[in-house]
C-alpha atoms as a PDB file:
ATOM      1  CA  UNK A   1     159.411 160.219 119.853  1.00  0.00           C
ATOM      2  CA  UNK A   2     158.432 158.876 123.299  1.00  0.00           C
ATOM      3  CA  UNK A   3     157.696 161.437 125.993  1.00  0.00           C
ATOM      4  CA  UNK A   4     160.002 161.929 128.967  1.00  0.00           C
ATOM      5  CA  UNK A   5     157.164 162.033 131.520  1.00  0.00           C
ATOM      6  CA  UNK A   6     153.518 161.051 131.107  1.00  0.00           C
ATOM      7  CA  UNK A   7     150.449 162.447 132.839  1.00  0.00           C
ATOM      8  CA  UNK A   8     147.420 160.363 133.802  1.00  0.00           C
ATOM      9  CA  UNK A   9     145.473 161.683 130.830  1.00  0.00           C
ATOM     10  CA  UNK A  10     148.303 160.932 128.404  1.00  0.00           C
ATOM     11  CA  UNK A  11     148.678 157.406 129.766  1.00  0.00           C
ATOM     12  CA  UNK A  12     144.960 156.688 129.440  1.00  0.00           C
ATOM     13  CA  UNK A  13     144.999 158.087 125.902  1.00  0.00           C
ATOM     14  CA  UNK A  14     147.909 155.780 125.063  1.00  0.00           C
ATOM     15  CA  UNK A  15     146.013 152.756 126.403  1.00  0.00           C
ATOM     16  CA  UNK A  16     143.115 153.667 124.134  1.00  0.00           C
ATOM     17  CA  UNK A  17     145.454 154.062 121.167  1.00  0.00           C
ATOM     18  CA  UNK A  18     146.832 150.593 121.909  1.00  0.00           C
ATOM     19  CA  UNK A  19     143.228 149.283 121.935  1.00  0.00           C
ATOM     20  CA  UNK A  20     143.666 148.064 125.494  1.00  0.00           C
ATOM     21  CA  UNK A  21     140.374 147.320 127.246  1.00  0.00           C
ATOM     22  CA  UNK A  22     140.087 148.891 130.688  1.00  0.00           C
ATOM     23  CA  UNK A  23     137.483 150.434 132.955  1.00  0.00           C
ATOM     24  CA  UNK A  24     138.124 153.722 134.787  1.00  0.00           C
ATOM     25  CA  UNK A  25     136.901 154.706 138.257  1.00  0.00           C
ATOM     26  CA  UNK A  26     137.361 158.159 139.786  1.00  0.00           C
ATOM     27  CA  UNK A  27     137.555 158.495 143.576  1.00  0.00           C
ATOM     28  CA  UNK A  28     139.211 160.625 146.275  1.00  0.00           C
ATOM     29  CA  UNK A  29     142.977 160.190 146.697  1.00  0.00           C
ATOM     30  CA  UNK A  30     143.792 156.928 148.513  1.00  0.00           C
ATOM     31  CA  UNK A  31     147.046 155.890 150.153  1.00  0.00           C
ATOM     32  CA  UNK A  32     146.253 152.315 151.191  1.00  0.00           C
ATOM     33  CA  UNK A  33     144.672 149.180 149.765  1.00  0.00           C
ATOM     34  CA  UNK A  34     141.994 149.403 152.429  1.00  0.00           C
ATOM     35  CA  UNK A  35     141.095 152.942 151.368  1.00  0.00           C
ATOM     36  CA  UNK A  36     140.974 151.973 147.702  1.00  0.00           C
ATOM     37  CA  UNK A  37     138.800 148.961 148.495  1.00  0.00           C
ATOM     38  CA  UNK A  38     136.095 151.280 149.817  1.00  0.00           C
ATOM     39  CA  UNK A  39     135.579 152.528 146.261  1.00  0.00           C
ATOM     40  CA  UNK A  40     136.322 149.530 144.020  1.00  0.00           C
ATOM     41  CA  UNK A  41     136.384 146.546 146.374  1.00  0.00           C
ATOM     42  CA  UNK A  42     132.759 145.687 145.595  1.00  0.00           C
ATOM     43  CA  UNK A  43     133.452 145.373 141.868  1.00  0.00           C
ATOM     44  CA  UNK A  44     135.238 142.017 142.036  1.00  0.00           C
ATOM     45  CA  UNK A  45     138.717 141.400 140.664  1.00  0.00           C
ATOM     46  CA  UNK A  46     141.964 141.878 142.557  1.00  0.00           C
ATOM     47  CA  UNK A  47     143.371 145.055 144.090  1.00  0.00           C
ATOM     48  CA  UNK A  48     147.107 145.500 143.655  1.00  0.00           C
ATOM     49  CA  UNK A  49     149.703 146.692 146.117  1.00  0.00           C
ATOM     50  CA  UNK A  50     152.981 148.015 144.776  1.00  0.00           C
ATOM     51  CA  UNK A  51     156.357 148.220 146.486  1.00  0.00           C
ATOM     52  CA  UNK A  52     159.176 150.471 145.319  1.00  0.00           C
ATOM     53  CA  UNK A  53     162.487 148.942 146.428  1.00  0.00           C
ATOM     54  CA  UNK A  54     166.214 149.511 146.050  1.00  0.00           C
ATOM     55  CA  UNK A  55     169.308 147.393 146.644  1.00  0.00           C
ATOM     56  CA  UNK A  56     172.724 148.281 148.032  1.00  0.00           C
ATOM     57  CA  UNK A  57     173.978 149.257 144.586  1.00  0.00           C
ATOM     58  CA  UNK A  58     171.139 151.771 144.114  1.00  0.00           C
ATOM     59  CA  UNK A  59     169.293 149.628 141.600  1.00  0.00           C
ATOM     60  CA  UNK A  60     165.520 149.945 141.764  1.00  0.00           C
ATOM     61  CA  UNK A  61     162.627 147.483 141.654  1.00  0.00           C
ATOM     62  CA  UNK A  62     158.838 147.707 141.481  1.00  0.00           C
ATOM     63  CA  UNK A  63     157.086 144.682 142.960  1.00  0.00           C
ATOM     64  CA  UNK A  64     153.413 144.599 141.998  1.00  0.00           C
ATOM     65  CA  UNK A  65     151.274 142.040 143.805  1.00  0.00           C
ATOM     66  CA  UNK A  66     147.744 141.204 144.866  1.00  0.00           C
ATOM     67  CA  UNK A  67     146.794 142.864 148.138  1.00  0.00           C
ATOM     68  CA  UNK A  68     146.638 139.507 149.926  1.00  0.00           C
ATOM     69  CA  UNK A  69     149.990 138.232 148.643  1.00  0.00           C
ATOM     70  CA  UNK A  70     152.683 138.173 151.315  1.00  0.00           C
ATOM     71  CA  UNK A  71     156.055 139.573 150.247  1.00  0.00           C
ATOM     72  CA  UNK A  72     159.124 138.721 152.324  1.00  0.00           C
ATOM     73  CA  UNK A  73     161.896 141.104 151.290  1.00  0.00           C
ATOM     74  CA  UNK A  74     164.638 138.910 152.775  1.00  0.00           C
ATOM     75  CA  UNK A  75     163.587 135.898 150.738  1.00  0.00           C
ATOM     76  CA  UNK A  76     163.058 137.965 147.608  1.00  0.00           C
ATOM     77  CA  UNK A  77     166.481 139.559 148.060  1.00  0.00           C
ATOM     78  CA  UNK A  78     168.161 136.168 148.351  1.00  0.00           C
ATOM     79  CA  UNK A  79     166.413 134.913 145.234  1.00  0.00           C
ATOM     80  CA  UNK A  80     167.680 137.919 143.314  1.00  0.00           C
ATOM     81  CA  UNK A  81     171.207 137.047 144.413  1.00  0.00           C
ATOM     82  CA  UNK A  82     171.503 140.148 146.598  1.00  0.00           C
ATOM     83  CA  UNK A  83     171.907 138.451 149.968  1.00  0.00           C
ATOM     84  CA  UNK A  84     169.190 138.374 152.619  1.00  0.00           C
ATOM     85  CA  UNK A  85     169.541 142.065 153.453  1.00  0.00           C
ATOM     86  CA  UNK A  86     170.021 143.374 149.945  1.00  0.00           C
ATOM     87  CA  UNK A  87     166.573 144.920 149.439  1.00  0.00           C
ATOM     88  CA  UNK A  88     164.932 147.776 151.282  1.00  0.00           C
ATOM     89  CA  UNK A  89     162.158 150.284 150.709  1.00  0.00           C
ATOM     90  CA  UNK A  90     163.289 153.029 148.342  1.00  0.00           C
ATOM     91  CA  UNK A  91     163.403 156.578 149.741  1.00  0.00           C
ATOM     92  CA  UNK A  92     160.435 158.780 148.993  1.00  0.00           C
ATOM     93  CA  UNK A  93     162.644 161.178 147.023  1.00  0.00           C
ATOM     94  CA  UNK A  94     163.339 158.418 144.500  1.00  0.00           C
ATOM     95  CA  UNK A  95     159.659 158.269 143.564  1.00  0.00           C
ATOM     96  CA  UNK A  96     159.946 161.648 141.919  1.00  0.00           C
ATOM     97  CA  UNK A  97     163.457 161.109 140.590  1.00  0.00           C
ATOM     98  CA  UNK A  98     163.069 157.640 139.062  1.00  0.00           C
ATOM     99  CA  UNK A  99     159.346 156.980 138.605  1.00  0.00           C
ATOM    100  CA  UNK A 100     158.129 160.605 138.343  1.00  0.00           C
ATOM    101  CA  UNK A 101     155.111 159.867 140.548  1.00  0.00           C
ATOM    102  CA  UNK A 102     154.102 160.891 144.049  1.00  0.00           C
ATOM    103  CA  UNK A 103     153.645 158.749 147.154  1.00  0.00           C
ATOM    104  CA  UNK A 104     150.762 156.311 146.744  1.00  0.00           C
ATOM    105  CA  UNK A 105     150.932 156.238 142.931  1.00  0.00           C
ATOM    106  CA  UNK A 106     153.449 153.465 142.211  1.00  0.00           C
ATOM    107  CA  UNK A 107     152.226 150.866 139.696  1.00  0.00           C
ATOM    108  CA  UNK A 108     153.658 149.077 136.650  1.00  0.00           C
ATOM    109  CA  UNK A 109     152.341 152.012 134.612  1.00  0.00           C
ATOM    110  CA  UNK A 110     154.982 154.305 136.161  1.00  0.00           C
ATOM    111  CA  UNK A 111     157.602 152.421 134.145  1.00  0.00           C
ATOM    112  CA  UNK A 112     156.416 154.275 131.055  1.00  0.00           C
ATOM    113  CA  UNK A 113     158.502 157.297 132.102  1.00  0.00           C
ATOM    114  CA  UNK A 114     161.983 157.527 130.593  1.00  0.00           C
ATOM    115  CA  UNK A 115     163.829 157.764 133.913  1.00  0.00           C
ATOM    116  CA  UNK A 116     162.320 154.422 134.950  1.00  0.00           C
ATOM    117  CA  UNK A 117     163.829 152.448 132.045  1.00  0.00           C
ATOM    118  CA  UNK A 118     166.332 150.728 134.339  1.00  0.00           C
ATOM    119  CA  UNK A 119     163.814 149.893 137.082  1.00  0.00           C
ATOM    120  CA  UNK A 120     163.087 146.162 137.316  1.00  0.00           C
ATOM    121  CA  UNK A 121     159.477 144.956 137.450  1.00  0.00           C
ATOM    122  CA  UNK A 122     158.344 141.813 139.266  1.00  0.00           C
ATOM    123  CA  UNK A 123     154.684 140.869 138.854  1.00  0.00           C
ATOM    124  CA  UNK A 124     152.661 138.570 141.120  1.00  0.00           C
ATOM    125  CA  UNK A 125     151.624 135.420 139.248  1.00  0.00           C
ATOM    126  CA  UNK A 126     148.415 135.652 141.274  1.00  0.00           C
ATOM    127  CA  UNK A 127     147.272 138.383 138.879  1.00  0.00           C
ATOM    128  CA  UNK A 128     146.735 135.689 136.271  1.00  0.00           C
ATOM    129  CA  UNK A 129     144.100 133.998 138.421  1.00  0.00           C
ATOM    130  CA  UNK A 130     141.969 137.167 138.500  1.00  0.00           C
ATOM    131  CA  UNK A 131     139.424 138.152 135.880  1.00  0.00           C
ATOM    132  CA  UNK A 132     140.824 141.687 136.175  1.00  0.00           C
ATOM    133  CA  UNK A 133     142.941 143.723 138.596  1.00  0.00           C
ATOM    134  CA  UNK A 134     142.977 147.348 139.758  1.00  0.00           C
ATOM    135  CA  UNK A 135     145.927 149.715 139.363  1.00  0.00           C
ATOM    136  CA  UNK A 136     146.384 153.477 139.658  1.00  0.00           C
ATOM    137  CA  UNK A 137     147.220 155.108 136.281  1.00  0.00           C
ATOM    138  CA  UNK A 138     149.917 157.471 137.669  1.00  0.00           C
ATOM    139  CA  UNK A 139     147.335 159.064 140.009  1.00  0.00           C
ATOM    140  CA  UNK A 140     145.818 157.675 143.201  1.00  0.00           C
ATOM    141  CA  UNK A 141     142.606 159.587 142.478  1.00  0.00           C
ATOM    142  CA  UNK A 142     141.791 157.071 139.744  1.00  0.00           C
ATOM    143  CA  UNK A 143     141.734 153.289 139.496  1.00  0.00           C
ATOM    144  CA  UNK A 144     141.609 151.312 136.272  1.00  0.00           C
ATOM    145  CA  UNK A 145     140.785 147.631 135.930  1.00  0.00           C
ATOM    146  CA  UNK A 146     142.232 145.366 133.249  1.00  0.00           C
ATOM    147  CA  UNK A 147     143.301 141.754 132.824  1.00  0.00           C
ATOM    148  CA  UNK A 148     146.858 140.464 132.544  1.00  0.00           C
ATOM    149  CA  UNK A 149     146.600 140.079 128.760  1.00  0.00           C
ATOM    150  CA  UNK A 150     146.050 143.807 128.425  1.00  0.00           C
ATOM    151  CA  UNK A 151     148.611 144.634 131.114  1.00  0.00           C
ATOM    152  CA  UNK A 152     151.150 142.579 129.161  1.00  0.00           C
ATOM    153  CA  UNK A 153     150.160 144.383 125.968  1.00  0.00           C
ATOM    154  CA  UNK A 154     150.972 147.719 127.614  1.00  0.00           C
ATOM    155  CA  UNK A 155     154.270 146.498 129.041  1.00  0.00           C
ATOM    156  CA  UNK A 156     155.405 145.079 125.708  1.00  0.00           C
ATOM    157  CA  UNK A 157     154.529 148.381 124.044  1.00  0.00           C
ATOM    158  CA  UNK A 158     157.143 150.088 126.245  1.00  0.00           C
ATOM    159  CA  UNK A 159     159.736 147.367 125.664  1.00  0.00           C
ATOM    160  CA  UNK A 160     159.115 145.305 128.789  1.00  0.00           C
ATOM    161  CA  UNK A 161     158.963 141.512 128.860  1.00  0.00           C
ATOM    162  CA  UNK A 162     156.522 140.754 131.737  1.00  0.00           C
ATOM    163  CA  UNK A 163     157.918 138.457 134.431  1.00  0.00           C
ATOM    164  CA  UNK A 164     155.320 136.852 136.709  1.00  0.00           C
ATOM    165  CA  UNK A 165     156.707 135.658 140.028  1.00  0.00           C
ATOM    166  CA  UNK A 166     155.359 133.337 142.719  1.00  0.00           C
ATOM    167  CA  UNK A 167     155.953 135.688 145.627  1.00  0.00           C
ATOM    168  CA  UNK A 168     154.919 133.223 148.312  1.00  0.00           C
ATOM    169  CA  UNK A 169     157.303 130.380 147.530  1.00  0.00           C
ATOM    170  CA  UNK A 170     160.635 130.013 149.290  1.00  0.00           C
ATOM    171  CA  UNK A 171     163.005 127.821 147.279  1.00  0.00           C
ATOM    172  CA  UNK A 172     166.475 127.183 148.565  1.00  0.00           C
ATOM    173  CA  UNK A 173     169.444 129.037 147.143  1.00  0.00           C
ATOM    174  CA  UNK A 174     172.871 127.480 147.278  1.00  0.00           C
ATOM    175  CA  UNK A 175     175.913 126.260 145.400  1.00  0.00           C
ATOM    176  CA  UNK A 176     173.968 123.951 143.110  1.00  0.00           C
ATOM    177  CA  UNK A 177     170.816 126.099 143.148  1.00  0.00           C
ATOM    178  CA  UNK A 178     171.651 129.585 141.828  1.00  0.00           C
ATOM    179  CA  UNK A 179     169.259 132.422 142.663  1.00  0.00           C
ATOM    180  CA  UNK A 180     166.636 131.979 139.982  1.00  0.00           C
ATOM    181  CA  UNK A 181     165.638 135.637 139.901  1.00  0.00           C
ATOM    182  CA  UNK A 182     169.171 136.924 139.340  1.00  0.00           C
ATOM    183  CA  UNK A 183     168.398 137.540 135.689  1.00  0.00           C
ATOM    184  CA  UNK A 184     165.803 140.123 136.732  1.00  0.00           C
ATOM    185  CA  UNK A 185     168.336 142.339 138.504  1.00  0.00           C
ATOM    186  CA  UNK A 186     168.513 145.578 136.494  1.00  0.00           C
ATOM    187  CA  UNK A 187     171.739 146.223 134.639  1.00  0.00           C
ATOM    188  CA  UNK A 188     172.195 149.848 135.605  1.00  0.00           C
ATOM    189  CA  UNK A 189     173.743 150.388 132.169  1.00  0.00           C
ATOM    190  CA  UNK A 190     175.680 153.579 131.555  1.00  0.00           C
ATOM    191  CA  UNK A 191     173.361 154.763 128.798  1.00  0.00           C
ATOM    192  CA  UNK A 192     170.305 154.867 131.071  1.00  0.00           C
ATOM    193  CA  UNK A 193     169.800 158.389 132.480  1.00  0.00           C
ATOM    194  CA  UNK A 194     171.045 158.487 136.046  1.00  0.00           C
ATOM    195  CA  UNK A 195     169.521 160.735 138.671  1.00  0.00           C
ATOM    196  CA  UNK A 196     171.301 161.543 141.945  1.00  0.00           C
ATOM    197  CA  UNK A 197     170.138 159.283 144.722  1.00  0.00           C
ATOM    198  CA  UNK A 198     169.353 160.772 148.119  1.00  0.00           C
ATOM    199  CA  UNK A 199     169.973 158.557 151.099  1.00  0.00           C
ATOM    200  CA  UNK A 200     166.834 158.458 153.198  1.00  0.00           C
ATOM    201  CA  UNK A 201     165.035 155.843 155.228  1.00  0.00           C
ATOM    202  CA  UNK A 202     161.608 157.219 154.363  1.00  0.00           C
ATOM    203  CA  UNK A 203     159.552 154.277 153.067  1.00  0.00           C
ATOM    204  CA  UNK A 204     157.895 155.817 150.028  1.00  0.00           C
ATOM    205  CA  UNK A 205     157.092 152.830 147.954  1.00  0.00           C
ATOM    206  CA  UNK A 206     153.852 151.591 146.622  1.00  0.00           C
ATOM    207  CA  UNK A 207     150.595 152.211 144.901  1.00  0.00           C
ATOM    208  CA  UNK A 208     148.236 151.943 147.852  1.00  0.00           C
ATOM    209  CA  UNK A 209     150.392 151.368 150.880  1.00  0.00           C
ATOM    210  CA  UNK A 210     153.752 152.309 152.307  1.00  0.00           C
ATOM    211  CA  UNK A 211     154.626 149.089 154.097  1.00  0.00           C
ATOM    212  CA  UNK A 212     155.871 145.728 152.848  1.00  0.00           C
ATOM    213  CA  UNK A 213     154.548 142.503 154.357  1.00  0.00           C
ATOM    214  CA  UNK A 214     157.621 141.788 156.455  1.00  0.00           C
ATOM    215  CA  UNK A 215     156.793 138.341 157.853  1.00  0.00           C
ATOM    216  CA  UNK A 216     156.057 136.438 154.689  1.00  0.00           C
ATOM    217  CA  UNK A 217     157.548 134.420 151.881  1.00  0.00           C
ATOM    218  CA  UNK A 218     158.593 135.141 148.323  1.00  0.00           C
ATOM    219  CA  UNK A 219     159.682 133.312 145.164  1.00  0.00           C
ATOM    220  CA  UNK A 220     159.373 132.827 141.413  1.00  0.00           C
ATOM    221  CA  UNK A 221     157.313 131.090 138.776  1.00  0.00           C
ATOM    222  CA  UNK A 222     159.701 131.677 135.930  1.00  0.00           C
ATOM    223  CA  UNK A 223     163.186 130.521 137.018  1.00  0.00           C
ATOM    224  CA  UNK A 224     166.003 132.132 135.149  1.00  0.00           C
ATOM    225  CA  UNK A 225     168.784 129.920 136.537  1.00  0.00           C
ATOM    226  CA  UNK A 226     171.211 132.456 135.195  1.00  0.00           C
ATOM    227  CA  UNK A 227     173.849 133.007 137.818  1.00  0.00           C
ATOM    228  CA  UNK A 228     175.685 131.331 140.632  1.00  0.00           C
ATOM    229  CA  UNK A 229     176.174 133.805 143.462  1.00  0.00           C
ATOM    230  CA  UNK A 230     177.440 133.837 147.002  1.00  0.00           C
ATOM    231  CA  UNK A 231     175.958 135.786 149.852  1.00  0.00           C
ATOM    232  CA  UNK A 232     176.473 139.321 148.683  1.00  0.00           C
ATOM    233  CA  UNK A 233     178.902 138.744 145.874  1.00  0.00           C
ATOM    234  CA  UNK A 234     178.409 140.558 142.637  1.00  0.00           C
ATOM    235  CA  UNK A 235     175.701 139.153 140.427  1.00  0.00           C
ATOM    236  CA  UNK A 236     176.209 139.851 136.708  1.00  0.00           C
ATOM    237  CA  UNK A 237     174.261 142.989 135.924  1.00  0.00           C
ATOM    238  CA  UNK A 238     171.690 142.054 133.341  1.00  0.00           C
ATOM    239  CA  UNK A 239     167.938 142.090 132.963  1.00  0.00           C
ATOM    240  CA  UNK A 240     167.375 138.733 131.293  1.00  0.00           C
ATOM    241  CA  UNK A 241     169.152 135.418 131.522  1.00  0.00           C
ATOM    242  CA  UNK A 242     170.239 134.048 128.171  1.00  0.00           C
ATOM    243  CA  UNK A 243     169.134 130.656 126.916  1.00  0.00           C
ATOM    244  CA  UNK A 244     170.136 131.142 123.301  1.00  0.00           C
ATOM    245  CA  UNK A 245     172.652 132.985 121.179  1.00  0.00           C
ATOM    246  CA  UNK A 246     170.084 135.197 119.410  1.00  0.00           C
ATOM    247  CA  UNK A 247     168.989 136.889 122.642  1.00  0.00           C
ATOM    248  CA  UNK A 248     172.616 137.248 123.701  1.00  0.00           C
ATOM    249  CA  UNK A 249     173.561 139.026 120.464  1.00  0.00           C
ATOM    250  CA  UNK A 250     170.374 141.108 120.483  1.00  0.00           C
ATOM    251  CA  UNK A 251     171.156 142.468 123.937  1.00  0.00           C
ATOM    252  CA  UNK A 252     174.679 143.413 122.852  1.00  0.00           C
ATOM    253  CA  UNK A 253     173.354 145.237 119.790  1.00  0.00           C
ATOM    254  CA  UNK A 254     170.711 147.035 121.865  1.00  0.00           C
ATOM    255  CA  UNK A 255     173.304 148.261 124.336  1.00  0.00           C
ATOM    256  CA  UNK A 256     175.660 149.372 121.559  1.00  0.00           C
ATOM    257  CA  UNK A 257     172.907 151.253 119.754  1.00  0.00           C
ATOM    258  CA  UNK A 258     171.807 152.942 122.961  1.00  0.00           C
ATOM    259  CA  UNK A 259     175.340 154.163 123.692  1.00  0.00           C
ATOM    260  CA  UNK A 260     175.729 155.511 120.152  1.00  0.00           C
ATOM    261  CA  UNK A 261     172.397 157.323 120.342  1.00  0.00           C
ATOM    262  CA  UNK A 262     173.226 158.785 123.752  1.00  0.00           C
ATOM    263  CA  UNK A 263     176.389 160.341 122.296  1.00  0.00           C
ATOM    264  CA  UNK A 264     174.813 161.713 119.113  1.00  0.00           C
ATOM    265  CA  UNK A 265     173.322 164.844 120.618  1.00  0.00           C
ATOM    266  CA  UNK A 266     173.280 168.288 119.078  1.00  0.00           C
ATOM    267  CA  UNK A 267     175.699 169.444 121.769  1.00  0.00           C
ATOM    268  CA  UNK A 268     178.284 166.724 121.125  1.00  0.00           C
ATOM    269  CA  UNK A 269     178.081 167.214 117.351  1.00  0.00           C
ATOM    270  CA  UNK A 270     178.833 170.929 117.743  1.00  0.00           C
ATOM    271  CA  UNK A 271     181.533 170.293 120.326  1.00  0.00           C
ATOM    272  CA  UNK A 272     183.507 167.538 118.617  1.00  0.00           C
ATOM    273  CA  UNK A 273     182.765 168.038 114.917  1.00  0.00           C
ATOM    274  CA  UNK A 274     184.942 165.747 112.805  1.00  0.00           C
ATOM    275  CA  UNK A 275     186.285 164.025 115.922  1.00  0.00           C
ATOM    276  CA  UNK A 276     182.812 162.831 116.909  1.00  0.00           C
ATOM    277  CA  UNK A 277     183.483 159.377 115.467  1.00  0.00           C
ATOM    278  CA  UNK A 278     186.474 158.898 117.752  1.00  0.00           C
ATOM    279  CA  UNK A 279     184.499 160.186 120.731  1.00  0.00           C
ATOM    280  CA  UNK A 280     181.647 157.741 120.100  1.00  0.00           C
ATOM    281  CA  UNK A 281     184.099 154.887 119.508  1.00  0.00           C
ATOM    282  CA  UNK A 282     185.898 155.573 122.787  1.00  0.00           C
ATOM    283  CA  UNK A 283     182.595 155.828 124.628  1.00  0.00           C
ATOM    284  CA  UNK A 284     181.480 152.447 123.305  1.00  0.00           C
ATOM    285  CA  UNK A 285     184.756 150.860 124.386  1.00  0.00           C
ATOM    286  CA  UNK A 286     184.549 152.479 127.792  1.00  0.00           C
ATOM    287  CA  UNK A 287     180.942 151.628 128.604  1.00  0.00           C
ATOM    288  CA  UNK A 288     180.447 148.405 126.695  1.00  0.00           C
ATOM    289  CA  UNK A 289     183.545 146.562 127.903  1.00  0.00           C
ATOM    290  CA  UNK A 290     182.115 145.739 131.328  1.00  0.00           C
ATOM    291  CA  UNK A 291     178.689 145.044 129.813  1.00  0.00           C
ATOM    292  CA  UNK A 292     180.139 142.470 127.421  1.00  0.00           C
ATOM    293  CA  UNK A 293     182.040 140.809 130.242  1.00  0.00           C
ATOM    294  CA  UNK A 294     178.835 140.621 132.297  1.00  0.00           C
ATOM    295  CA  UNK A 295     176.731 139.333 129.412  1.00  0.00           C
ATOM    296  CA  UNK A 296     179.341 136.740 128.493  1.00  0.00           C
ATOM    297  CA  UNK A 297     179.503 135.549 132.101  1.00  0.00           C
ATOM    298  CA  UNK A 298     175.709 135.248 132.237  1.00  0.00           C
ATOM    299  CA  UNK A 299     175.706 133.251 128.999  1.00  0.00           C
ATOM    300  CA  UNK A 300     178.473 131.023 130.326  1.00  0.00           C
ATOM    301  CA  UNK A 301     176.787 130.476 133.699  1.00  0.00           C
ATOM    302  CA  UNK A 302     173.463 129.833 132.017  1.00  0.00           C
ATOM    303  CA  UNK A 303     175.013 127.153 129.845  1.00  0.00           C
ATOM    304  CA  UNK A 304     176.679 125.615 132.898  1.00  0.00           C
ATOM    305  CA  UNK A 305     173.463 125.619 134.926  1.00  0.00           C
ATOM    306  CA  UNK A 306     171.390 124.195 132.084  1.00  0.00           C
ATOM    307  CA  UNK A 307     173.970 121.478 131.643  1.00  0.00           C
ATOM    308  CA  UNK A 308     173.958 120.731 135.351  1.00  0.00           C
ATOM    309  CA  UNK A 309     170.176 120.350 135.492  1.00  0.00           C
ATOM    310  CA  UNK A 310     170.127 118.313 132.300  1.00  0.00           C
ATOM    311  CA  UNK A 311     172.753 115.988 133.714  1.00  0.00           C
ATOM    312  CA  UNK A 312     170.938 115.686 137.040  1.00  0.00           C
ATOM    313  CA  UNK A 313     167.669 114.722 135.376  1.00  0.00           C
ATOM    314  CA  UNK A 314     169.267 112.069 133.165  1.00  0.00           C
ATOM    315  CA  UNK A 315     171.540 110.240 135.583  1.00  0.00           C
ATOM    316  CA  UNK A 316     172.201 106.636 134.663  1.00  0.00           C
ATOM    317  CA  UNK A 317     171.222 104.245 137.425  1.00  0.00           C
ATOM    318  CA  UNK A 318     173.967 101.673 137.997  1.00  0.00           C
ATOM    319  CA  UNK A 319     173.076  98.154 139.020  1.00  0.00           C
ATOM    320  CA  UNK A 320     174.043  97.130 142.591  1.00  0.00           C
END
């Protein structure tokens, strides 16, 4: 059974068990990219910066990028379908509540913890151009270097499908150009453990620094073309966009199974006894109804968008 919270040593042991190649470097605690560079900057490769963000609906995002990549939160927010002001730095308290790490320790590796299952991850496509990149393994007193193949291997081992984004592009978003990152907005499903959110403006966010690059541009390599959305209108809550029926059905089954498992605890069995079946059935109806509506809308919008682009690229030219 997967652990609730991992330590640095347990994470590194897991990477070894997965036969993931990495190099480890110990150093004093660092809070910025510049400080980290003093210890590993002469080794080549790329140093990562990591932002921990939230939107107005208290959904969380980790944006992991090369230190030199410029991240414009307004552009990124619009591309997620959240409106230009939909993203902000997450409060420092959320680091401990959602990611179970302290300030300065945010990286993709923090998503291994159970409470981070509903946190979205956006990776800089610039990582792929590097021979290897540096990340903190849940502690800013250590840096590990690995390539994207091995990073992907880790992410897939925890059920994540890596999404690499061009964070310096700025494509338009409009009526005929849906926000192409909308499919990466986390679902916030009922079966994911929820921790109370504290409202705070404290910018606790990233692996090596606490500030986003505010005057820059952002965008995506892997368009999801999933949803049509207005300024701040609701975007269907789903991680992926659906291009085929198999993925659509698989997501429904995953959500159903998760709800069933969340109800089948020792406490509920003792409490409800023979009525447990009815309790689970009612819970599925209650929590899955909105999910199915959202998934169906995503599937429908995806089909519409794909049809639109297909039609646009195959227009028949009429003679004058």
